[in-house]
Amino acid sequence: MPEGKAAFREVLPKQGQLSVEDAAAMVLCKPKVLPLKSVSLEKLEKLQRAALEAARPPEGAPPAPGAPPARA
């Protein structure tokens, strides 16, 4: 059997479709919407607000001794 180019003979169809395999192309996904704040950051902020509310004296109560004067 001869070696080199003559070893295989190319056969092309005279009619019909010729199938060509392309290299795989990248397929892009839809962009994901990310939250501006993480869940843990929102929980921390909620705890901080609750702590500030608990530390704030009730309205109409006289200011605690030694506390700085309230701003109007």
N, C-alpha and C. Protein backbone atom coordinates (compact mmCIF):
# COMPACT_ATOMS: atom_id res chain seq x y z
N MET A 1 0.85 -1.17 0.00
CA MET A 1 0.00 0.00 0.00
C MET A 1 0.89 1.23 0.00
N PRO A 2 0.59 2.21 -0.85
CA PRO A 2 1.43 3.40 -0.95
C PRO A 2 1.29 4.28 0.29
N GLU A 3 2.36 4.94 0.67
CA GLU A 3 2.40 5.82 1.83
C GLU A 3 2.20 7.27 1.38
N GLY A 4 1.82 8.16 2.35
CA GLY A 4 1.74 9.59 2.07
C GLY A 4 0.38 10.00 1.55
N LYS A 5 0.34 10.93 0.57
CA LYS A 5 -0.90 11.51 0.05
C LYS A 5 -1.80 10.47 -0.62
N ALA A 6 -1.25 9.56 -1.33
CA ALA A 6 -2.03 8.61 -2.11
C ALA A 6 -2.68 7.55 -1.24
N ALA A 7 -2.39 7.51 0.07
CA ALA A 7 -2.95 6.48 0.93
C ALA A 7 -4.46 6.65 1.11
N PHE A 8 -4.97 7.89 1.13
CA PHE A 8 -6.39 8.14 1.29
C PHE A 8 -6.89 8.96 0.11
N ARG A 9 -8.05 8.57 -0.40
CA ARG A 9 -8.64 9.30 -1.51
C ARG A 9 -9.83 10.09 -0.97
N GLU A 10 -9.88 11.38 -1.25
CA GLU A 10 -10.95 12.25 -0.76
C GLU A 10 -12.20 12.02 -1.59
N VAL A 11 -13.34 11.86 -0.91
CA VAL A 11 -14.60 11.65 -1.60
C VAL A 11 -15.56 12.76 -1.20
N LEU A 12 -16.03 13.54 -2.16
CA LEU A 12 -16.99 14.61 -1.92
C LEU A 12 -18.29 14.25 -2.61
N PRO A 13 -19.44 14.51 -1.97
CA PRO A 13 -20.72 14.19 -2.60
C PRO A 13 -21.00 15.13 -3.78
N LYS A 14 -21.65 14.61 -4.80
CA LYS A 14 -22.00 15.42 -5.98
C LYS A 14 -23.26 16.24 -5.72
N GLN A 15 -24.15 15.74 -4.87
CA GLN A 15 -25.37 16.48 -4.52
C GLN A 15 -25.69 16.24 -3.05
N GLY A 16 -26.51 17.11 -2.48
CA GLY A 16 -26.85 16.99 -1.06
C GLY A 16 -26.01 17.94 -0.23
N GLN A 17 -26.04 17.73 1.06
CA GLN A 17 -25.32 18.62 1.97
C GLN A 17 -24.01 17.99 2.40
N LEU A 18 -23.05 18.84 2.60
CA LEU A 18 -21.76 18.42 3.11
C LEU A 18 -21.70 18.86 4.58
N SER A 19 -21.50 17.94 5.48
CA SER A 19 -21.47 18.24 6.90
C SER A 19 -20.06 18.62 7.32
N VAL A 20 -19.96 19.75 8.00
CA VAL A 20 -18.66 20.22 8.50
C VAL A 20 -18.81 20.46 9.99
N GLU A 21 -17.94 19.91 10.78
CA GLU A 21 -17.99 20.13 12.23
C GLU A 21 -17.19 21.39 12.55
N ASP A 22 -17.86 22.31 13.24
CA ASP A 22 -17.19 23.55 13.67
C ASP A 22 -16.66 23.37 15.08
N ALA A 23 -15.71 24.19 15.41
CA ALA A 23 -15.21 24.19 16.79
C ALA A 23 -16.31 24.73 17.70
N ALA A 24 -16.38 24.24 18.93
CA ALA A 24 -17.40 24.69 19.87
C ALA A 24 -17.20 26.17 20.18
N ALA A 25 -18.28 26.92 20.07
CA ALA A 25 -18.22 28.36 20.36
C ALA A 25 -18.76 28.59 21.76
N MET A 26 -18.33 29.69 22.37
CA MET A 26 -18.81 30.03 23.71
C MET A 26 -20.25 30.50 23.63
N VAL A 27 -21.07 30.05 24.56
CA VAL A 27 -22.46 30.48 24.64
C VAL A 27 -22.60 31.30 25.91
N LEU A 28 -23.06 32.53 25.76
CA LEU A 28 -23.18 33.42 26.91
C LEU A 28 -24.54 33.24 27.58
N CYS A 29 -24.54 33.28 28.89
CA CYS A 29 -25.78 33.14 29.67
C CYS A 29 -26.37 34.52 29.93
N LYS A 30 -27.61 34.52 30.39
CA LYS A 30 -28.22 35.78 30.79
C LYS A 30 -27.47 36.31 32.01
N PRO A 31 -27.30 37.62 32.12
CA PRO A 31 -26.61 38.16 33.30
C PRO A 31 -27.47 37.95 34.55
N LYS A 32 -26.82 37.67 35.65
CA LYS A 32 -27.53 37.46 36.91
C LYS A 32 -27.59 38.79 37.67
N VAL A 33 -28.74 39.07 38.25
CA VAL A 33 -28.91 40.29 39.03
C VAL A 33 -28.42 40.01 40.44
N LEU A 34 -27.42 40.76 40.86
CA LEU A 34 -26.85 40.58 42.19
C LEU A 34 -27.37 41.66 43.13
N PRO A 35 -27.64 41.32 44.38
CA PRO A 35 -28.11 42.34 45.32
C PRO A 35 -26.99 43.33 45.64
N LEU A 36 -27.38 44.57 45.92
CA LEU A 36 -26.40 45.59 46.28
C LEU A 36 -25.84 45.33 47.66
N LYS A 37 -26.67 44.77 48.54
CA LYS A 37 -26.22 44.45 49.89
C LYS A 37 -26.42 42.96 50.11
N SER A 38 -25.49 42.37 50.82
CA SER A 38 -25.63 40.94 51.12
C SER A 38 -26.65 40.75 52.23
N VAL A 39 -27.13 39.54 52.35
CA VAL A 39 -28.12 39.22 53.38
C VAL A 39 -27.52 39.43 54.77
N SER A 40 -26.27 39.01 54.94
CA SER A 40 -25.64 39.16 56.26
C SER A 40 -25.45 40.64 56.62
N LEU A 41 -25.14 41.48 55.62
CA LEU A 41 -24.99 42.91 55.90
C LEU A 41 -26.34 43.51 56.31
N GLU A 42 -27.42 43.09 55.65
CA GLU A 42 -28.74 43.60 56.02
C GLU A 42 -29.11 43.16 57.43
N LYS A 43 -28.77 41.92 57.82
CA LYS A 43 -29.05 41.45 59.18
C LYS A 43 -28.27 42.27 60.20
N LEU A 44 -26.99 42.56 59.91
CA LEU A 44 -26.18 43.36 60.82
C LEU A 44 -26.76 44.77 60.98
N GLU A 45 -27.18 45.37 59.87
CA GLU A 45 -27.76 46.71 59.95
C GLU A 45 -29.06 46.70 60.75
N LYS A 46 -29.86 45.65 60.60
CA LYS A 46 -31.11 45.54 61.35
C LYS A 46 -30.81 45.43 62.85
N LEU A 47 -29.82 44.59 63.20
CA LEU A 47 -29.43 44.47 64.62
C LEU A 47 -28.91 45.79 65.17
N GLN A 48 -28.15 46.51 64.34
CA GLN A 48 -27.60 47.79 64.78
C GLN A 48 -28.73 48.80 65.03
N ARG A 49 -29.71 48.84 64.12
CA ARG A 49 -30.84 49.76 64.31
C ARG A 49 -31.62 49.40 65.57
N ALA A 50 -31.82 48.09 65.79
CA ALA A 50 -32.55 47.66 66.99
C ALA A 50 -31.79 48.04 68.26
N ALA A 51 -30.47 47.91 68.23
CA ALA A 51 -29.66 48.28 69.40
C ALA A 51 -29.73 49.78 69.65
N LEU A 52 -29.71 50.58 68.60
CA LEU A 52 -29.82 52.04 68.76
C LEU A 52 -31.19 52.42 69.31
N GLU A 53 -32.25 51.76 68.82
CA GLU A 53 -33.60 52.04 69.32
C GLU A 53 -33.71 51.68 70.79
N ALA A 54 -33.10 50.57 71.19
CA ALA A 54 -33.17 50.14 72.59
C ALA A 54 -32.37 51.08 73.49
N ALA A 55 -31.29 51.64 72.97
CA ALA A 55 -30.45 52.53 73.77
C ALA A 55 -31.03 53.94 73.85
N ARG A 56 -31.89 54.30 72.91
CA ARG A 56 -32.48 55.64 72.89
C ARG A 56 -33.54 55.75 73.99
N PRO A 57 -33.49 56.84 74.78
CA PRO A 57 -34.51 56.99 75.84
C PRO A 57 -35.88 57.26 75.20
N PRO A 58 -36.94 56.87 75.86
CA PRO A 58 -38.29 57.11 75.31
C PRO A 58 -38.55 58.61 75.17
N GLU A 59 -39.41 58.95 74.23
CA GLU A 59 -39.72 60.37 74.00
C GLU A 59 -40.46 60.96 75.20
N GLY A 60 -40.15 62.19 75.51
CA GLY A 60 -40.80 62.88 76.64
C GLY A 60 -40.11 62.61 77.96
N ALA A 61 -39.18 61.70 78.00
CA ALA A 61 -38.47 61.41 79.25
C ALA A 61 -37.38 62.44 79.42
N PRO A 62 -37.08 62.83 80.65
CA PRO A 62 -35.99 63.79 80.86
C PRO A 62 -34.66 63.15 80.50
N PRO A 63 -33.71 63.96 80.01
CA PRO A 63 -32.43 63.40 79.63
C PRO A 63 -31.69 62.83 80.83
N ALA A 64 -30.92 61.82 80.59
CA ALA A 64 -30.16 61.18 81.67
C ALA A 64 -29.08 62.15 82.17
N PRO A 65 -28.74 62.08 83.46
CA PRO A 65 -27.70 62.97 83.98
C PRO A 65 -26.36 62.65 83.32
N GLY A 66 -25.66 63.67 82.93
CA GLY A 66 -24.35 63.51 82.30
C GLY A 66 -24.44 63.28 80.79
N ALA A 67 -25.65 63.20 80.24
CA ALA A 67 -25.82 63.00 78.79
C ALA A 67 -25.67 64.35 78.10
N PRO A 68 -25.12 64.35 76.90
CA PRO A 68 -24.99 65.63 76.18
C PRO A 68 -26.37 66.15 75.81
N PRO A 69 -26.51 67.47 75.68
CA PRO A 69 -27.81 68.04 75.35
C PRO A 69 -28.26 67.60 73.94
N ALA A 70 -29.56 67.40 73.79
CA ALA A 70 -30.12 66.95 72.50
C ALA A 70 -30.10 68.11 71.51
N ARG A 71 -29.83 67.79 70.28
CA ARG A 71 -29.85 68.81 69.22
C ARG A 71 -31.27 68.99 68.71
N ALA A 72 -31.61 70.22 68.40
CA ALA A 72 -32.96 70.49 67.90
C ALA A 72 -32.98 70.62 66.41
